[in-house]
Protein backbone atom coordinates (compact mmCIF):
# COMPACT_ATOMS: atom_id res chain seq x y z
CA UNK A 1 -9.77 57.85 -89.28
CA UNK A 2 -6.44 57.59 -87.64
CA UNK A 3 -6.03 60.01 -84.78
CA UNK A 4 -2.47 60.75 -83.66
CA UNK A 5 -0.89 62.90 -81.01
CA UNK A 6 2.45 64.19 -82.05
CA UNK A 7 5.32 66.50 -81.20
CA UNK A 8 6.58 68.96 -83.79
CA UNK A 9 8.80 72.10 -83.62
CA UNK A 10 5.69 74.05 -82.67
CA UNK A 11 4.70 71.85 -79.76
CA UNK A 12 2.29 68.96 -79.07
CA UNK A 13 -0.94 68.61 -81.11
CA UNK A 14 -3.52 66.12 -82.27
CA UNK A 15 -3.77 65.26 -85.95
CA UNK A 16 -5.23 62.94 -88.51
CA UNK A 17 -2.83 60.59 -90.33
CA UNK A 18 -3.84 60.01 -93.96
CA UNK A 19 -2.91 57.23 -96.32
CA UNK A 20 -0.07 59.25 -97.79
CA UNK A 21 1.86 59.54 -94.57
CA UNK A 22 0.81 63.13 -93.89
CA UNK A 23 -0.39 64.42 -90.57
CA UNK A 24 -3.04 67.12 -90.66
CA UNK A 25 -3.07 69.02 -87.45
CA UNK A 26 -6.42 69.62 -85.76
CA UNK A 27 -7.70 72.30 -83.44
CA UNK A 28 -7.73 71.23 -79.80
CA UNK A 29 -8.96 67.79 -78.88
CA UNK A 30 -10.24 65.17 -81.37
CA UNK A 31 -13.53 64.55 -79.58
CA UNK A 32 -16.58 66.16 -81.21
CA UNK A 33 -16.36 67.93 -84.53
CA UNK A 34 -12.84 67.92 -85.91
CA UNK A 35 -11.55 71.23 -87.23
CA UNK A 36 -8.29 71.35 -89.15
CA UNK A 37 -5.73 74.11 -88.67
CA UNK A 38 -4.45 73.83 -92.27
CA UNK A 39 -0.94 72.80 -91.07
CA UNK A 40 0.34 69.52 -92.43
CA UNK A 41 3.50 67.53 -91.63
CA UNK A 42 5.15 64.53 -93.14
CA UNK A 43 5.00 61.68 -90.62
CA UNK A 44 8.74 61.37 -90.78
CA UNK A 45 9.07 64.94 -89.58
CA UNK A 46 7.14 64.52 -86.39
CA UNK A 47 7.33 62.33 -83.33
CA UNK A 48 4.30 60.23 -82.57
CA UNK A 49 3.38 60.24 -78.87
CA UNK A 50 0.89 58.10 -77.05
CA UNK A 51 -2.34 58.89 -78.95
CA UNK A 52 -4.16 59.80 -75.72
CA UNK A 53 -3.35 60.71 -72.14
CA UNK A 54 -6.09 58.97 -70.15
CA UNK A 55 -7.14 59.96 -66.62
CA UNK A 56 -7.02 56.25 -65.91
CA UNK A 57 -6.31 52.92 -67.61
CA UNK A 58 -8.78 50.18 -66.59
CA UNK A 59 -7.41 46.80 -67.36
CA UNK A 60 -9.00 43.35 -67.40
CA UNK A 61 -7.12 40.23 -66.20
CA UNK A 62 -7.63 36.61 -67.21
CA UNK A 63 -9.79 37.36 -70.19
CA UNK A 64 -8.44 34.65 -72.51
CA UNK A 65 -8.88 31.12 -71.47
CA UNK A 66 -5.45 30.01 -72.72
CA UNK A 67 -3.75 32.77 -70.79
CA UNK A 68 -5.60 31.66 -67.63
CA UNK A 69 -4.35 28.19 -68.18
CA UNK A 70 -0.69 29.21 -68.79
CA UNK A 71 -0.63 31.32 -65.63
CA UNK A 72 -1.84 28.50 -63.49
CA UNK A 73 -3.66 30.76 -61.03
CA UNK A 74 -6.99 29.03 -60.93
CA UNK A 75 -10.14 28.99 -63.04
CA UNK A 76 -11.35 31.69 -65.43
CA UNK A 77 -13.24 34.41 -63.56
CA UNK A 78 -17.08 34.34 -63.57
CA UNK A 79 -17.14 38.08 -64.10
CA UNK A 80 -14.55 40.58 -65.43
CA UNK A 81 -11.45 40.95 -63.19
CA UNK A 82 -10.59 44.57 -63.11
CA UNK A 83 -7.39 46.49 -62.04
CA UNK A 84 -6.03 49.95 -62.62
CA UNK A 85 -2.80 51.17 -64.18
CA UNK A 86 -1.79 54.73 -63.30
CA UNK A 87 -1.77 57.33 -66.07
CA UNK A 88 1.99 57.63 -65.44
CA UNK A 89 2.49 54.13 -66.93
CA UNK A 90 1.58 55.42 -70.38
CA UNK A 91 4.30 55.87 -72.96
CA UNK A 92 4.12 56.18 -76.81
CA UNK A 93 5.53 54.33 -79.71
CA UNK A 94 9.29 54.18 -79.79
CA UNK A 95 9.64 55.03 -76.09
CA UNK A 96 11.56 52.63 -73.90
CA UNK A 97 10.00 50.21 -71.49
CA UNK A 98 12.14 50.58 -68.42
CA UNK A 99 12.97 47.55 -66.28
CA UNK A 100 12.64 48.41 -62.54
CA UNK A 101 15.87 48.15 -60.48
CA UNK A 102 16.52 44.50 -59.47
CA UNK A 103 13.74 43.10 -61.62
CA UNK A 104 14.46 40.04 -63.71
CA UNK A 105 10.94 38.83 -64.61
CA UNK A 106 9.15 41.62 -66.48
CA UNK A 107 6.66 40.30 -69.12
CA UNK A 108 5.03 41.72 -72.28
CA UNK A 109 1.24 41.46 -72.74
CA UNK A 110 -0.22 42.66 -76.05
CA UNK A 111 -3.83 43.86 -75.74
CA UNK A 112 -6.55 45.55 -77.74
CA UNK A 113 -7.26 48.94 -76.14
CA UNK A 114 -10.53 50.72 -76.15
CA UNK A 115 -10.62 54.53 -76.06
CA UNK A 116 -13.66 56.18 -74.51
CA UNK A 117 -15.26 59.03 -76.38
CA UNK A 118 -16.81 62.40 -75.54
CA UNK A 119 -19.94 61.08 -73.93
CA UNK A 120 -18.00 58.96 -71.42
CA UNK A 121 -19.67 55.97 -69.88
CA UNK A 122 -21.64 55.75 -66.60
CA UNK A 123 -24.15 53.03 -65.91
CA UNK A 124 -24.36 52.13 -69.56
CA UNK A 125 -25.93 48.74 -70.67
CA UNK A 126 -24.00 46.46 -72.99
CA UNK A 127 -26.30 47.53 -75.79
CA UNK A 128 -25.31 51.25 -75.15
CA UNK A 129 -21.63 50.56 -74.53
CA UNK A 130 -20.29 50.85 -78.04
CA UNK A 131 -21.84 54.27 -78.29
CA UNK A 132 -19.31 55.37 -75.70
CA UNK A 133 -16.34 54.15 -77.71
CA UNK A 134 -14.20 56.65 -79.65
CA UNK A 135 -11.89 54.15 -81.20
CA UNK A 136 -9.26 51.47 -80.70
CA UNK A 137 -5.47 51.33 -80.29
CA UNK A 138 -2.76 48.90 -79.23
CA UNK A 139 -1.45 48.45 -75.68
CA UNK A 140 1.29 46.48 -74.00
CA UNK A 141 0.28 45.72 -70.38
CA UNK A 142 3.79 45.29 -69.09
CA UNK A 143 3.91 43.36 -65.84
CA UNK A 144 6.50 42.48 -63.18
CA UNK A 145 5.59 38.83 -62.47
CA UNK A 146 7.50 38.31 -59.23
CA UNK A 147 5.81 41.24 -57.66
CA UNK A 148 2.45 40.24 -59.04
CA UNK A 149 2.86 36.85 -57.30
CA UNK A 150 4.30 38.15 -54.04
CA UNK A 151 1.92 41.09 -53.50
CA UNK A 152 -1.34 39.22 -54.00
CA UNK A 153 -2.81 42.30 -55.81
CA UNK A 154 -1.38 43.88 -58.92
CA UNK A 155 -0.97 47.61 -58.34
CA UNK A 156 2.84 47.58 -58.00
CA UNK A 157 3.47 44.88 -60.65
CA UNK A 158 1.41 46.77 -63.22
CA UNK A 159 2.07 50.28 -62.19
CA UNK A 160 5.65 51.20 -62.87
CA UNK A 161 6.35 54.19 -65.11
CA UNK A 162 6.52 53.07 -68.81
CA UNK A 163 4.51 49.92 -68.16
CA UNK A 164 1.71 50.86 -70.51
CA UNK A 165 2.87 51.56 -74.07
CA UNK A 166 -0.02 52.84 -76.22
CA UNK A 167 -0.22 53.56 -79.98
CA UNK A 168 0.63 54.31 -82.58
CA UNK A 169 -2.77 55.88 -83.25
CA UNK A 170 -6.45 55.66 -82.46
CA UNK A 171 -8.50 54.08 -85.25
CA UNK A 172 -12.08 55.48 -85.08
CA UNK A 173 -13.59 53.44 -87.98
CA UNK A 174 -12.46 49.79 -88.02
CA UNK A 175 -15.62 48.92 -89.84
CA UNK A 176 -14.62 51.24 -92.65
CA UNK A 177 -11.49 49.12 -93.02
CA UNK A 178 -13.63 45.97 -93.18
CA UNK A 179 -12.55 44.99 -89.65
CA UNK A 180 -14.59 43.97 -86.63
CA UNK A 181 -13.07 44.69 -83.17
CA UNK A 182 -14.75 41.47 -81.98
CA UNK A 183 -12.54 39.44 -84.29
CA UNK A 184 -9.01 40.89 -84.77
CA UNK A 185 -5.72 39.10 -84.84
CA UNK A 186 -3.43 40.07 -81.96
CA UNK A 187 0.28 39.26 -81.89
CA UNK A 188 3.49 40.09 -80.05
CA UNK A 189 6.99 39.43 -81.20
CA UNK A 190 10.25 40.04 -79.29
CA UNK A 191 13.36 40.56 -81.46
CA UNK A 192 11.35 39.09 -84.35
CA UNK A 193 10.33 35.92 -82.47
CA UNK A 194 6.58 35.36 -82.30
CA UNK A 195 5.54 35.05 -78.68
CA UNK A 196 1.80 35.76 -78.63
CA UNK A 197 -0.88 35.05 -81.21
CA UNK A 198 -4.68 35.17 -80.63
CA UNK A 199 -7.89 36.77 -81.77
CA UNK A 200 -10.25 39.06 -79.94
CA UNK A 201 -12.98 36.59 -80.73
CA UNK A 202 -11.41 34.47 -77.99
CA UNK A 203 -12.11 37.13 -75.29
CA UNK A 204 -14.12 35.62 -72.43
CA UNK A 205 -15.91 38.96 -71.94
CA UNK A 206 -16.34 41.10 -75.04
CA UNK A 207 -16.00 44.85 -75.42
CA UNK A 208 -19.68 45.77 -74.82
CA UNK A 209 -19.73 43.64 -71.65
CA UNK A 210 -16.48 45.17 -70.38
CA UNK A 211 -17.39 48.80 -70.97
CA UNK A 212 -20.84 48.28 -69.37
CA UNK A 213 -19.46 46.36 -66.37
CA UNK A 214 -16.72 48.94 -65.67
CA UNK A 215 -19.23 51.78 -66.02
CA UNK A 216 -21.23 50.31 -63.19
CA UNK A 217 -18.22 50.67 -60.92
CA UNK A 218 -16.62 53.93 -62.02
CA UNK A 219 -17.36 56.67 -64.52
CA UNK A 220 -15.22 56.30 -67.61
CA UNK A 221 -14.24 59.75 -68.74
CA UNK A 222 -13.49 60.89 -72.27
CA UNK A 223 -10.04 59.60 -73.25
CA UNK A 224 -9.99 56.86 -70.63
CA UNK A 225 -8.59 53.54 -71.87
CA UNK A 226 -9.85 49.99 -71.33
CA UNK A 227 -7.36 47.12 -71.81
CA UNK A 228 -9.24 43.97 -72.83
CA UNK A 229 -6.84 41.27 -71.79
CA UNK A 230 -3.96 39.35 -73.34
CA UNK A 231 -3.73 36.03 -75.20
CA UNK A 232 -1.42 33.28 -74.14
CA UNK A 233 2.34 33.31 -74.79
CA UNK A 234 3.47 36.05 -72.32
CA UNK A 235 7.12 36.01 -71.47
CA UNK A 236 10.14 37.89 -70.21
CA UNK A 237 11.67 40.93 -71.86
CA UNK A 238 15.23 42.20 -71.21
CA UNK A 239 17.21 45.39 -71.75
CA UNK A 240 18.24 45.72 -75.42
CA UNK A 241 15.28 43.82 -76.83
CA UNK A 242 12.62 45.13 -79.30
CA UNK A 243 8.97 44.39 -78.56
CA UNK A 244 6.45 44.70 -81.30
CA UNK A 245 2.71 44.44 -80.53
CA UNK A 246 0.49 44.24 -83.58
CA UNK A 247 -3.28 44.13 -84.06
CA UNK A 248 -5.11 43.65 -87.32
CA UNK A 249 -6.30 46.93 -88.68
CA UNK A 250 -4.34 48.97 -86.17
CA UNK A 251 -0.75 48.53 -87.24
CA UNK A 252 2.19 47.91 -84.92
CA UNK A 253 3.36 49.47 -81.58
CA UNK A 254 7.11 49.04 -81.26
CA UNK A 255 9.08 49.71 -78.03
CA UNK A 256 12.63 49.01 -77.00
CA UNK A 257 13.57 47.82 -73.47
CA UNK A 258 16.04 49.59 -71.32
CA UNK A 259 17.59 48.95 -67.96
CA UNK A 260 16.65 50.53 -64.68
CA UNK A 261 16.13 54.27 -64.75
CA UNK A 262 15.58 55.99 -61.42
CA UNK A 263 15.44 59.49 -62.90
CA UNK A 264 12.20 61.44 -62.71
CA UNK A 265 10.23 61.66 -65.92
CA UNK A 266 7.54 63.99 -64.61
CA UNK A 267 6.46 66.40 -67.27
CA UNK A 268 8.15 64.48 -70.05
CA UNK A 269 6.63 63.63 -73.38
CA UNK A 270 4.59 60.47 -73.41
């Protein structure tokens, strides 16, 4: 099932996107039993937003060996390397990634994103972890590399508004599509040029390990998002470019890149 969050003339809602390109509006939140309102929209007549607004985005660094090598920042970690991205980094498909003022070294990072379900996750074992997963979507862990290097920790470099595109939907049943989240193709192109290509089978720490490990540190609430790491091939993006992150079974997340924008976006659609 493909869960979307969308804007229509009647406001913002969750819905289910079917194979005919129709969005069926649902009552309230998609967690738990889904109840349909009876209202349907053509996908072309609505605006898809980020499919979830998480309380936090928990990301994992250095989780592909080839990416560790290309970054030249030491050996692969012996346990998951965690950092947080603020909820205000989240934008949806079609929204612009905004380059901070004065920045010239902002990079794309395509990642499989795990969305936590209604039961949340607190002190779960790896064997229990997948029971806390609602579904999967695509993320772009946008990063300001110069700040990442100079700060020594990653909050500023990873935390700018618009630095976490998510979407276009949450797929709750990859198995029903004949896909395994443990072995999906992950790619990123910029203006049609292939930059990144990998598979989730190359993750140093798999999804059950990551969800369990994070849950020992902090409670994962319903709707929280876990970013699983990026394959090699990261590189700079510039205003005017088009970034497409694609994951097998999940479609494509496309965002343009714009120049510095110092205006407030509080309360805007994401």
